[in-house]
Amino acid sequence: RMEQEAQREKARKENSSHCDEQDQGPFSFHADGLQPFLLLYHTLRKHPPLLLDTVKNICDLSSPLDQLGIHKTNPGVIGLCGLLSSLVGILTVARPHMKLKH
């Protein structure tokens, strides 16, 4: 999805005949190091099912990383991540159009 968004942005820039600051996309005024993060933000904002799946997967990582001793985390954070992951899972069951299709 990020590659598709980057290609769309590149095509939009090439088709644009003038460079008004307001017409420029989210990638126009950035430092080189921020471009991947802006692209990720833009992609997740346009694809809510992908955002939900990403949030769920990040939350699901907290407990195993803590149990394996890779990254120690507060039990409250682990509980909050578990709750958030469960709520996202319930949301995708209740609203099938929000489920990420492979």
PDB file of N, CA and C in Angstrom:
ATOM      1  N   ARG A   1       0.830  -1.202   0.000  1.00  0.00           N
ATOM      2  CA  ARG A   1       0.000   0.000   0.000  1.00  0.00           C
ATOM      3  C   ARG A   1       0.864   1.252   0.000  1.00  0.00           C
ATOM      4  N   MET A   2       1.962   1.201   0.751  1.00  0.00           N
ATOM      5  CA  MET A   2       2.823   2.378   0.803  1.00  0.00           C
ATOM      6  C   MET A   2       3.462   2.646  -0.563  1.00  0.00           C
ATOM      7  N   GLU A   3       3.840   1.587  -1.270  1.00  0.00           N
ATOM      8  CA  GLU A   3       4.396   1.778  -2.607  1.00  0.00           C
ATOM      9  C   GLU A   3       3.356   2.375  -3.547  1.00  0.00           C
ATOM     10  N   GLN A   4       2.103   1.915  -3.440  1.00  0.00           N
ATOM     11  CA  GLN A   4       1.031   2.464  -4.280  1.00  0.00           C
ATOM     12  C   GLN A   4       0.827   3.942  -3.982  1.00  0.00           C
ATOM     13  N   GLU A   5       0.828   4.313  -2.702  1.00  0.00           N
ATOM     14  CA  GLU A   5       0.648   5.716  -2.330  1.00  0.00           C
ATOM     15  C   GLU A   5       1.811   6.565  -2.835  1.00  0.00           C
ATOM     16  N   ALA A   6       3.021   6.032  -2.751  1.00  0.00           N
ATOM     17  CA  ALA A   6       4.180   6.782  -3.229  1.00  0.00           C
ATOM     18  C   ALA A   6       4.101   6.989  -4.737  1.00  0.00           C
ATOM     19  N   GLN A   7       3.658   5.969  -5.470  1.00  0.00           N
ATOM     20  CA  GLN A   7       3.502   6.100  -6.924  1.00  0.00           C
ATOM     21  C   GLN A   7       2.410   7.105  -7.270  1.00  0.00           C
ATOM     22  N   ARG A   8       1.304   7.093  -6.528  1.00  0.00           N
ATOM     23  CA  ARG A   8       0.230   8.062  -6.770  1.00  0.00           C
ATOM     24  C   ARG A   8       0.718   9.484  -6.521  1.00  0.00           C
ATOM     25  N   GLU A   9       1.474   9.654  -5.443  1.00  0.00           N
ATOM     26  CA  GLU A   9       1.990  10.987  -5.122  1.00  0.00           C
ATOM     27  C   GLU A   9       2.964  11.455  -6.193  1.00  0.00           C
ATOM     28  N   LYS A  10       3.808  10.563  -6.666  1.00  0.00           N
ATOM     29  CA  LYS A  10       4.763  10.915  -7.718  1.00  0.00           C
ATOM     30  C   LYS A  10       4.033  11.292  -9.009  1.00  0.00           C
ATOM     31  N   ALA A  11       3.009  10.519  -9.370  1.00  0.00           N
ATOM     32  CA  ALA A  11       2.226  10.824 -10.578  1.00  0.00           C
ATOM     33  C   ALA A  11       1.492  12.148 -10.422  1.00  0.00           C
ATOM     34  N   ARG A  12       0.983  12.418  -9.239  1.00  0.00           N
ATOM     35  CA  ARG A  12       0.283  13.674  -8.988  1.00  0.00           C
ATOM     36  C   ARG A  12       1.240  14.849  -9.143  1.00  0.00           C
ATOM     37  N   LYS A  13       2.458  14.703  -8.646  1.00  0.00           N
ATOM     38  CA  LYS A  13       3.447  15.775  -8.765  1.00  0.00           C
ATOM     39  C   LYS A  13       3.824  16.000 -10.228  1.00  0.00           C
ATOM     40  N   GLU A  14       3.965  14.910 -10.985  1.00  0.00           N
ATOM     41  CA  GLU A  14       4.334  15.040 -12.389  1.00  0.00           C
ATOM     42  C   GLU A  14       3.221  15.693 -13.201  1.00  0.00           C
ATOM     43  N   ASN A  15       1.967  15.426 -12.850  1.00  0.00           N
ATOM     44  CA  ASN A  15       0.836  15.997 -13.571  1.00  0.00           C
ATOM     45  C   ASN A  15       0.532  17.433 -13.158  1.00  0.00           C
ATOM     46  N   SER A  16       1.072  17.833 -12.039  1.00  0.00           N
ATOM     47  CA  SER A  16       0.819  19.175 -11.537  1.00  0.00           C
ATOM     48  C   SER A  16       1.643  20.179 -12.337  1.00  0.00           C
ATOM     49  N   SER A  17       0.993  21.211 -12.848  1.00  0.00           N
ATOM     50  CA  SER A  17       1.705  22.198 -13.661  1.00  0.00           C
ATOM     51  C   SER A  17       2.212  23.361 -12.826  1.00  0.00           C
ATOM     52  N   HIS A  18       1.645  23.594 -11.663  1.00  0.00           N
ATOM     53  CA  HIS A  18       2.113  24.670 -10.804  1.00  0.00           C
ATOM     54  C   HIS A  18       2.361  24.124  -9.409  1.00  0.00           C
ATOM     55  N   CYS A  19       3.154  24.837  -8.654  1.00  0.00           N
ATOM     56  CA  CYS A  19       3.584  24.342  -7.338  1.00  0.00           C
ATOM     57  C   CYS A  19       3.147  25.289  -6.236  1.00  0.00           C
ATOM     58  N   ASP A  20       1.855  25.467  -6.083  1.00  0.00           N
ATOM     59  CA  ASP A  20       1.365  26.251  -4.959  1.00  0.00           C
ATOM     60  C   ASP A  20       1.640  25.491  -3.683  1.00  0.00           C
ATOM     61  N   GLU A  21       1.961  26.184  -2.628  1.00  0.00           N
ATOM     62  CA  GLU A  21       2.255  25.517  -1.361  1.00  0.00           C
ATOM     63  C   GLU A  21       1.036  24.776  -0.844  1.00  0.00           C
ATOM     64  N   GLN A  22      -0.173  25.290  -1.104  1.00  0.00           N
ATOM     65  CA  GLN A  22      -1.385  24.635  -0.622  1.00  0.00           C
ATOM     66  C   GLN A  22      -1.710  23.397  -1.440  1.00  0.00           C
ATOM     67  N   ASP A  23      -1.308  23.344  -2.702  1.00  0.00           N
ATOM     68  CA  ASP A  23      -1.586  22.197  -3.548  1.00  0.00           C
ATOM     69  C   ASP A  23      -0.616  21.057  -3.326  1.00  0.00           C
ATOM     70  N   GLN A  24       0.474  21.303  -2.647  1.00  0.00           N
ATOM     71  CA  GLN A  24       1.456  20.265  -2.461  1.00  0.00           C
ATOM     72  C   GLN A  24       0.933  19.223  -1.486  1.00  0.00           C
ATOM     73  N   GLY A  25       1.310  17.978  -1.728  1.00  0.00           N
ATOM     74  CA  GLY A  25       0.843  16.868  -0.902  1.00  0.00           C
ATOM     75  C   GLY A  25       1.598  16.792   0.409  1.00  0.00           C
ATOM     76  N   PRO A  26       1.359  15.754   1.164  1.00  0.00           N
ATOM     77  CA  PRO A  26       1.970  15.623   2.479  1.00  0.00           C
ATOM     78  C   PRO A  26       3.463  15.333   2.422  1.00  0.00           C
ATOM     79  N   PHE A  27       4.017  15.073   1.233  1.00  0.00           N
ATOM     80  CA  PHE A  27       5.424  14.710   1.122  1.00  0.00           C
ATOM     81  C   PHE A  27       6.255  15.853   0.548  1.00  0.00           C
ATOM     82  N   SER A  28       5.680  17.030   0.384  1.00  0.00           N
ATOM     83  CA  SER A  28       6.337  18.120  -0.322  1.00  0.00           C
ATOM     84  C   SER A  28       7.350  18.848   0.537  1.00  0.00           C
ATOM     85  N   PHE A  29       7.047  19.079   1.780  1.00  0.00           N
ATOM     86  CA  PHE A  29       7.929  19.857   2.626  1.00  0.00           C
ATOM     87  C   PHE A  29       8.359  18.988   3.794  1.00  0.00           C
ATOM     88  N   HIS A  30       9.430  18.248   3.600  1.00  0.00           N
ATOM     89  CA  HIS A  30       9.881  17.342   4.651  1.00  0.00           C
ATOM     90  C   HIS A  30      11.387  17.160   4.575  1.00  0.00           C
ATOM     91  N   ALA A  31      11.938  16.747   5.663  1.00  0.00           N
ATOM     92  CA  ALA A  31      13.332  16.344   5.675  1.00  0.00           C
ATOM     93  C   ALA A  31      13.410  14.927   5.131  1.00  0.00           C
ATOM     94  N   ASP A  32      14.557  14.556   4.607  1.00  0.00           N
ATOM     95  CA  ASP A  32      14.698  13.235   3.992  1.00  0.00           C
ATOM     96  C   ASP A  32      14.372  12.102   4.960  1.00  0.00           C
ATOM     97  N   GLY A  33      14.691  12.252   6.229  1.00  0.00           N
ATOM     98  CA  GLY A  33      14.457  11.197   7.203  1.00  0.00           C
ATOM     99  C   GLY A  33      13.002  11.010   7.573  1.00  0.00           C
ATOM    100  N   LEU A  34      12.169  12.003   7.331  1.00  0.00           N
ATOM    101  CA  LEU A  34      10.756  11.913   7.707  1.00  0.00           C
ATOM    102  C   LEU A  34       9.883  11.309   6.612  1.00  0.00           C
ATOM    103  N   GLN A  35      10.370  11.234   5.394  1.00  0.00           N
ATOM    104  CA  GLN A  35       9.546  10.774   4.289  1.00  0.00           C
ATOM    105  C   GLN A  35       8.906   9.399   4.531  1.00  0.00           C
ATOM    106  N   PRO A  36       9.622   8.384   5.012  1.00  0.00           N
ATOM    107  CA  PRO A  36       8.962   7.089   5.250  1.00  0.00           C
ATOM    108  C   PRO A  36       7.845   7.168   6.283  1.00  0.00           C
ATOM    109  N   PHE A  37       8.029   7.983   7.315  1.00  0.00           N
ATOM    110  CA  PHE A  37       7.004   8.104   8.348  1.00  0.00           C
ATOM    111  C   PHE A  37       5.775   8.849   7.838  1.00  0.00           C
ATOM    112  N   LEU A  38       6.005   9.872   7.025  1.00  0.00           N
ATOM    113  CA  LEU A  38       4.878  10.587   6.427  1.00  0.00           C
ATOM    114  C   LEU A  38       4.116   9.687   5.470  1.00  0.00           C
ATOM    115  N   LEU A  39       4.848   8.884   4.716  1.00  0.00           N
ATOM    116  CA  LEU A  39       4.212   7.946   3.797  1.00  0.00           C
ATOM    117  C   LEU A  39       3.402   6.914   4.568  1.00  0.00           C
ATOM    118  N   LEU A  40       3.955   6.397   5.661  1.00  0.00           N
ATOM    119  CA  LEU A  40       3.231   5.444   6.501  1.00  0.00           C
ATOM    120  C   LEU A  40       1.973   6.072   7.072  1.00  0.00           C
ATOM    121  N   TYR A  41       2.079   7.284   7.597  1.00  0.00           N
ATOM    122  CA  TYR A  41       0.924   7.989   8.155  1.00  0.00           C
ATOM    123  C   TYR A  41      -0.157   8.195   7.096  1.00  0.00           C
ATOM    124  N   HIS A  42       0.256   8.658   5.928  1.00  0.00           N
ATOM    125  CA  HIS A  42      -0.696   8.928   4.844  1.00  0.00           C
ATOM    126  C   HIS A  42      -1.393   7.637   4.399  1.00  0.00           C
ATOM    127  N   THR A  43      -0.622   6.554   4.307  1.00  0.00           N
ATOM    128  CA  THR A  43      -1.183   5.267   3.882  1.00  0.00           C
ATOM    129  C   THR A  43      -2.175   4.732   4.910  1.00  0.00           C
ATOM    130  N   LEU A  44      -1.812   4.752   6.182  1.00  0.00           N
ATOM    131  CA  LEU A  44      -2.696   4.235   7.222  1.00  0.00           C
ATOM    132  C   LEU A  44      -3.956   5.083   7.357  1.00  0.00           C
ATOM    133  N   ARG A  45      -3.826   6.392   7.141  1.00  0.00           N
ATOM    134  CA  ARG A  45      -4.987   7.270   7.229  1.00  0.00           C
ATOM    135  C   ARG A  45      -6.001   6.977   6.123  1.00  0.00           C
ATOM    136  N   LYS A  46      -5.521   6.593   4.949  1.00  0.00           N
ATOM    137  CA  LYS A  46      -6.413   6.325   3.821  1.00  0.00           C
ATOM    138  C   LYS A  46      -6.989   4.906   3.840  1.00  0.00           C
ATOM    139  N   HIS A  47      -6.428   4.013   4.654  1.00  0.00           N
ATOM    140  CA  HIS A  47      -6.865   2.609   4.697  1.00  0.00           C
ATOM    141  C   HIS A  47      -7.131   2.180   6.139  1.00  0.00           C
ATOM    142  N   PRO A  48      -8.335   2.499   6.663  1.00  0.00           N
ATOM    143  CA  PRO A  48      -8.638   2.165   8.064  1.00  0.00           C
ATOM    144  C   PRO A  48      -8.478   0.690   8.427  1.00  0.00           C
ATOM    145  N   PRO A  49      -8.844  -0.284   7.568  1.00  0.00           N
ATOM    146  CA  PRO A  49      -8.611  -1.680   7.956  1.00  0.00           C
ATOM    147  C   PRO A  49      -7.129  -1.991   8.177  1.00  0.00           C
ATOM    148  N   LEU A  50      -6.277  -1.396   7.371  1.00  0.00           N
ATOM    149  CA  LEU A  50      -4.839  -1.592   7.544  1.00  0.00           C
ATOM    150  C   LEU A  50      -4.369  -0.959   8.850  1.00  0.00           C
ATOM    151  N   LEU A  51      -4.911   0.196   9.187  1.00  0.00           N
ATOM    152  CA  LEU A  51      -4.578   0.866  10.450  1.00  0.00           C
ATOM    153  C   LEU A  51      -4.986  -0.005  11.636  1.00  0.00           C
ATOM    154  N   LEU A  52      -6.203  -0.524  11.607  1.00  0.00           N
ATOM    155  CA  LEU A  52      -6.670  -1.371  12.716  1.00  0.00           C
ATOM    156  C   LEU A  52      -5.802  -2.619  12.862  1.00  0.00           C
ATOM    157  N   ASP A  53      -5.461  -3.246  11.750  1.00  0.00           N
ATOM    158  CA  ASP A  53      -4.637  -4.451  11.805  1.00  0.00           C
ATOM    159  C   ASP A  53      -3.239  -4.132  12.329  1.00  0.00           C
ATOM    160  N   THR A  54      -2.697  -2.996  11.939  1.00  0.00           N
ATOM    161  CA  THR A  54      -1.376  -2.582  12.421  1.00  0.00           C
ATOM    162  C   THR A  54      -1.403  -2.314  13.923  1.00  0.00           C
ATOM    163  N   VAL A  55      -2.421  -1.613  14.395  1.00  0.00           N
ATOM    164  CA  VAL A  55      -2.553  -1.335  15.830  1.00  0.00           C
ATOM    165  C   VAL A  55      -2.679  -2.647  16.609  1.00  0.00           C
ATOM    166  N   LYS A  56      -3.504  -3.553  16.124  1.00  0.00           N
ATOM    167  CA  LYS A  56      -3.705  -4.843  16.796  1.00  0.00           C
ATOM    168  C   LYS A  56      -2.391  -5.628  16.865  1.00  0.00           C
ATOM    169  N   ASN A  57      -1.651  -5.666  15.772  1.00  0.00           N
ATOM    170  CA  ASN A  57      -0.388  -6.410  15.755  1.00  0.00           C
ATOM    171  C   ASN A  57       0.660  -5.789  16.676  1.00  0.00           C
ATOM    172  N   ILE A  58       0.717  -4.467  16.719  1.00  0.00           N
ATOM    173  CA  ILE A  58       1.665  -3.804  17.620  1.00  0.00           C
ATOM    174  C   ILE A  58       1.300  -4.097  19.077  1.00  0.00           C
ATOM    175  N   CYS A  59      -0.006  -4.050  19.373  1.00  0.00           N
ATOM    176  CA  CYS A  59      -0.443  -4.362  20.742  1.00  0.00           C
ATOM    177  C   CYS A  59      -0.162  -5.813  21.105  1.00  0.00           C
ATOM    178  N   ASP A  60      -0.303  -6.711  20.147  1.00  0.00           N
ATOM    179  CA  ASP A  60      -0.064  -8.130  20.412  1.00  0.00           C
ATOM    180  C   ASP A  60       1.414  -8.442  20.638  1.00  0.00           C
ATOM    181  N   LEU A  61       2.301  -7.540  20.280  1.00  0.00           N
ATOM    182  CA  LEU A  61       3.735  -7.769  20.485  1.00  0.00           C
ATOM    183  C   LEU A  61       4.193  -7.498  21.918  1.00  0.00           C
ATOM    184  N   SER A  62       3.468  -6.678  22.648  1.00  0.00           N
ATOM    185  CA  SER A  62       3.946  -6.242  23.966  1.00  0.00           C
ATOM    186  C   SER A  62       4.111  -7.393  24.955  1.00  0.00           C
ATOM    187  N   SER A  63       3.161  -8.283  25.014  1.00  0.00           N
ATOM    188  CA  SER A  63       3.237  -9.377  25.989  1.00  0.00           C
ATOM    189  C   SER A  63       4.375 -10.362  25.698  1.00  0.00           C
ATOM    190  N   PRO A  64       4.512 -10.867  24.466  1.00  0.00           N
ATOM    191  CA  PRO A  64       5.634 -11.790  24.223  1.00  0.00           C
ATOM    192  C   PRO A  64       7.006 -11.142  24.427  1.00  0.00           C
ATOM    193  N   LEU A  65       7.145  -9.876  24.039  1.00  0.00           N
ATOM    194  CA  LEU A  65       8.430  -9.205  24.246  1.00  0.00           C
ATOM    195  C   LEU A  65       8.752  -9.080  25.730  1.00  0.00           C
ATOM    196  N   ASP A  66       7.734  -8.850  26.550  1.00  0.00           N
ATOM    197  CA  ASP A  66       7.936  -8.772  27.992  1.00  0.00           C
ATOM    198  C   ASP A  66       8.263 -10.145  28.567  1.00  0.00           C
ATOM    199  N   GLN A  67       7.532 -11.161  28.168  1.00  0.00           N
ATOM    200  CA  GLN A  67       7.752 -12.511  28.691  1.00  0.00           C
ATOM    201  C   GLN A  67       9.126 -13.064  28.315  1.00  0.00           C
ATOM    202  N   LEU A  68       9.605 -12.723  27.128  1.00  0.00           N
ATOM    203  CA  LEU A  68      10.917 -13.196  26.688  1.00  0.00           C
ATOM    204  C   LEU A  68      12.057 -12.350  27.256  1.00  0.00           C
ATOM    205  N   GLY A  69      11.728 -11.256  27.927  1.00  0.00           N
ATOM    206  CA  GLY A  69      12.743 -10.401  28.515  1.00  0.00           C
ATOM    207  C   GLY A  69      13.436  -9.492  27.520  1.00  0.00           C
ATOM    208  N   ILE A  70      12.894  -9.388  26.321  1.00  0.00           N
ATOM    209  CA  ILE A  70      13.499  -8.533  25.296  1.00  0.00           C
ATOM    210  C   ILE A  70      13.246  -7.066  25.614  1.00  0.00           C
ATOM    211  N   HIS A  71      12.027  -6.771  26.021  1.00  0.00           N
ATOM    212  CA  HIS A  71      11.665  -5.389  26.362  1.00  0.00           C
ATOM    213  C   HIS A  71      10.726  -5.431  27.560  1.00  0.00           C
ATOM    214  N   LYS A  72      11.241  -5.070  28.722  1.00  0.00           N
ATOM    215  CA  LYS A  72      10.415  -5.089  29.932  1.00  0.00           C
ATOM    216  C   LYS A  72       9.378  -3.983  29.879  1.00  0.00           C
ATOM    217  N   THR A  73       8.139  -4.347  30.187  1.00  0.00           N
ATOM    218  CA  THR A  73       7.027  -3.415  30.109  1.00  0.00           C
ATOM    219  C   THR A  73       6.217  -3.485  31.387  1.00  0.00           C
ATOM    220  N   ASN A  74       5.638  -2.385  31.769  1.00  0.00           N
ATOM    221  CA  ASN A  74       4.772  -2.285  32.924  1.00  0.00           C
ATOM    222  C   ASN A  74       3.542  -3.180  32.705  1.00  0.00           C
ATOM    223  N   PRO A  75       3.090  -3.918  33.732  1.00  0.00           N
ATOM    224  CA  PRO A  75       1.904  -4.757  33.577  1.00  0.00           C
ATOM    225  C   PRO A  75       0.660  -3.970  33.153  1.00  0.00           C
ATOM    226  N   GLY A  76       0.559  -2.730  33.559  1.00  0.00           N
ATOM    227  CA  GLY A  76      -0.574  -1.905  33.141  1.00  0.00           C
ATOM    228  C   GLY A  76      -0.577  -1.660  31.638  1.00  0.00           C
ATOM    229  N   VAL A  77       0.601  -1.454  31.074  1.00  0.00           N
ATOM    230  CA  VAL A  77       0.725  -1.244  29.627  1.00  0.00           C
ATOM    231  C   VAL A  77       0.358  -2.520  28.888  1.00  0.00           C
ATOM    232  N   ILE A  78       0.795  -3.656  29.410  1.00  0.00           N
ATOM    233  CA  ILE A  78       0.468  -4.932  28.781  1.00  0.00           C
ATOM    234  C   ILE A  78      -1.041  -5.166  28.826  1.00  0.00           C
ATOM    235  N   GLY A  79      -1.662  -4.841  29.958  1.00  0.00           N
ATOM    236  CA  GLY A  79      -3.119  -4.977  30.068  1.00  0.00           C
ATOM    237  C   GLY A  79      -3.849  -4.051  29.113  1.00  0.00           C
ATOM    238  N   LEU A  80      -3.383  -2.820  29.017  1.00  0.00           N
ATOM    239  CA  LEU A  80      -3.993  -1.858  28.096  1.00  0.00           C
ATOM    240  C   LEU A  80      -3.847  -2.316  26.646  1.00  0.00           C
ATOM    241  N   CYS A  81      -2.678  -2.828  26.298  1.00  0.00           N
ATOM    242  CA  CYS A  81      -2.467  -3.345  24.944  1.00  0.00           C
ATOM    243  C   CYS A  81      -3.372  -4.549  24.666  1.00  0.00           C
ATOM    244  N   GLY A  82      -3.524  -5.418  25.649  1.00  0.00           N
ATOM    245  CA  GLY A  82      -4.422  -6.566  25.485  1.00  0.00           C
ATOM    246  C   GLY A  82      -5.863  -6.128  25.304  1.00  0.00           C
ATOM    247  N   LEU A  83      -6.285  -5.142  26.086  1.00  0.00           N
ATOM    248  CA  LEU A  83      -7.642  -4.611  25.962  1.00  0.00           C
ATOM    249  C   LEU A  83      -7.858  -3.977  24.594  1.00  0.00           C
ATOM    250  N   LEU A  84      -6.911  -3.174  24.159  1.00  0.00           N
ATOM    251  CA  LEU A  84      -7.018  -2.515  22.859  1.00  0.00           C
ATOM    252  C   LEU A  84      -7.047  -3.545  21.727  1.00  0.00           C
ATOM    253  N   SER A  85      -6.200  -4.559  21.814  1.00  0.00           N
ATOM    254  CA  SER A  85      -6.174  -5.612  20.803  1.00  0.00           C
ATOM    255  C   SER A  85      -7.511  -6.353  20.754  1.00  0.00           C
ATOM    256  N   SER A  86      -8.066  -6.624  21.911  1.00  0.00           N
ATOM    257  CA  SER A  86      -9.370  -7.305  21.964  1.00  0.00           C
ATOM    258  C   SER A  86     -10.484  -6.442  21.389  1.00  0.00           C
ATOM    259  N   LEU A  87     -10.460  -5.152  21.697  1.00  0.00           N
ATOM    260  CA  LEU A  87     -11.483  -4.250  21.165  1.00  0.00           C
ATOM    261  C   LEU A  87     -11.393  -4.138  19.644  1.00  0.00           C
ATOM    262  N   VAL A  88     -10.185  -4.090  19.120  1.00  0.00           N
ATOM    263  CA  VAL A  88     -10.024  -4.048  17.662  1.00  0.00           C
ATOM    264  C   VAL A  88     -10.518  -5.356  17.051  1.00  0.00           C
ATOM    265  N   GLY A  89     -10.225  -6.477  17.690  1.00  0.00           N
ATOM    266  CA  GLY A  89     -10.718  -7.761  17.200  1.00  0.00           C
ATOM    267  C   GLY A  89     -12.234  -7.832  17.202  1.00  0.00           C
ATOM    268  N   ILE A  90     -12.862  -7.335  18.261  1.00  0.00           N
ATOM    269  CA  ILE A  90     -14.327  -7.307  18.334  1.00  0.00           C
ATOM    270  C   ILE A  90     -14.891  -6.394  17.257  1.00  0.00           C
ATOM    271  N   LEU A  91     -14.252  -5.256  17.043  1.00  0.00           N
ATOM    272  CA  LEU A  91     -14.707  -4.323  16.014  1.00  0.00           C
ATOM    273  C   LEU A  91     -14.660  -4.955  14.625  1.00  0.00           C
ATOM    274  N   THR A  92     -13.608  -5.699  14.336  1.00  0.00           N
ATOM    275  CA  THR A  92     -13.511  -6.323  13.012  1.00  0.00           C
ATOM    276  C   THR A  92     -14.515  -7.460  12.833  1.00  0.00           C
ATOM    277  N   VAL A  93     -14.927  -8.092  13.925  1.00  0.00           N
ATOM    278  CA  VAL A  93     -15.967  -9.125  13.834  1.00  0.00           C
ATOM    279  C   VAL A  93     -17.335  -8.465  13.678  1.00  0.00           C
ATOM    280  N   ALA A  94     -17.558  -7.386  14.416  1.00  0.00           N
ATOM    281  CA  ALA A  94     -18.848  -6.698  14.359  1.00  0.00           C
ATOM    282  C   ALA A  94     -19.045  -5.957  13.035  1.00  0.00           C
ATOM    283  N   ARG A  95     -17.980  -5.465  12.474  1.00  0.00           N
ATOM    284  CA  ARG A  95     -18.035  -4.722  11.207  1.00  0.00           C
ATOM    285  C   ARG A  95     -17.063  -5.370  10.217  1.00  0.00           C
ATOM    286  N   PRO A  96     -17.527  -6.359   9.478  1.00  0.00           N
ATOM    287  CA  PRO A  96     -16.633  -7.119   8.581  1.00  0.00           C
ATOM    288  C   PRO A  96     -15.924  -6.260   7.532  1.00  0.00           C
ATOM    289  N   HIS A  97     -16.503  -5.119   7.152  1.00  0.00           N
ATOM    290  CA  HIS A  97     -15.816  -4.281   6.150  1.00  0.00           C
ATOM    291  C   HIS A  97     -14.560  -3.629   6.713  1.00  0.00           C
ATOM    292  N   MET A  98     -14.376  -3.668   8.038  1.00  0.00           N
ATOM    293  CA  MET A  98     -13.168  -3.127   8.664  1.00  0.00           C
ATOM    294  C   MET A  98     -12.069  -4.187   8.803  1.00  0.00           C
ATOM    295  N   LYS A  99     -12.345  -5.400   8.387  1.00  0.00           N
ATOM    296  CA  LYS A  99     -11.353  -6.468   8.464  1.00  0.00           C
ATOM    297  C   LYS A  99     -10.418  -6.381   7.269  1.00  0.00           C
ATOM    298  N   LEU A 100      -9.140  -6.559   7.518  1.00  0.00           N
ATOM    299  CA  LEU A 100      -8.133  -6.500   6.458  1.00  0.00           C
ATOM    300  C   LEU A 100      -8.300  -7.720   5.570  1.00  0.00           C
ATOM    301  N   LYS A 101      -8.471  -7.467   4.285  1.00  0.00           N
ATOM    302  CA  LYS A 101      -8.595  -8.561   3.322  1.00  0.00           C
ATOM    303  C   LYS A 101      -7.237  -8.815   2.713  1.00  0.00           C
ATOM    304  N   HIS A 102      -6.885 -10.076   2.596  1.00  0.00           N
ATOM    305  CA  HIS A 102      -5.547 -10.433   2.091  1.00  0.00           C
ATOM    306  C   HIS A 102      -5.529 -10.457   0.612  1.00  0.00           C
TER     307      HIS A 102
END
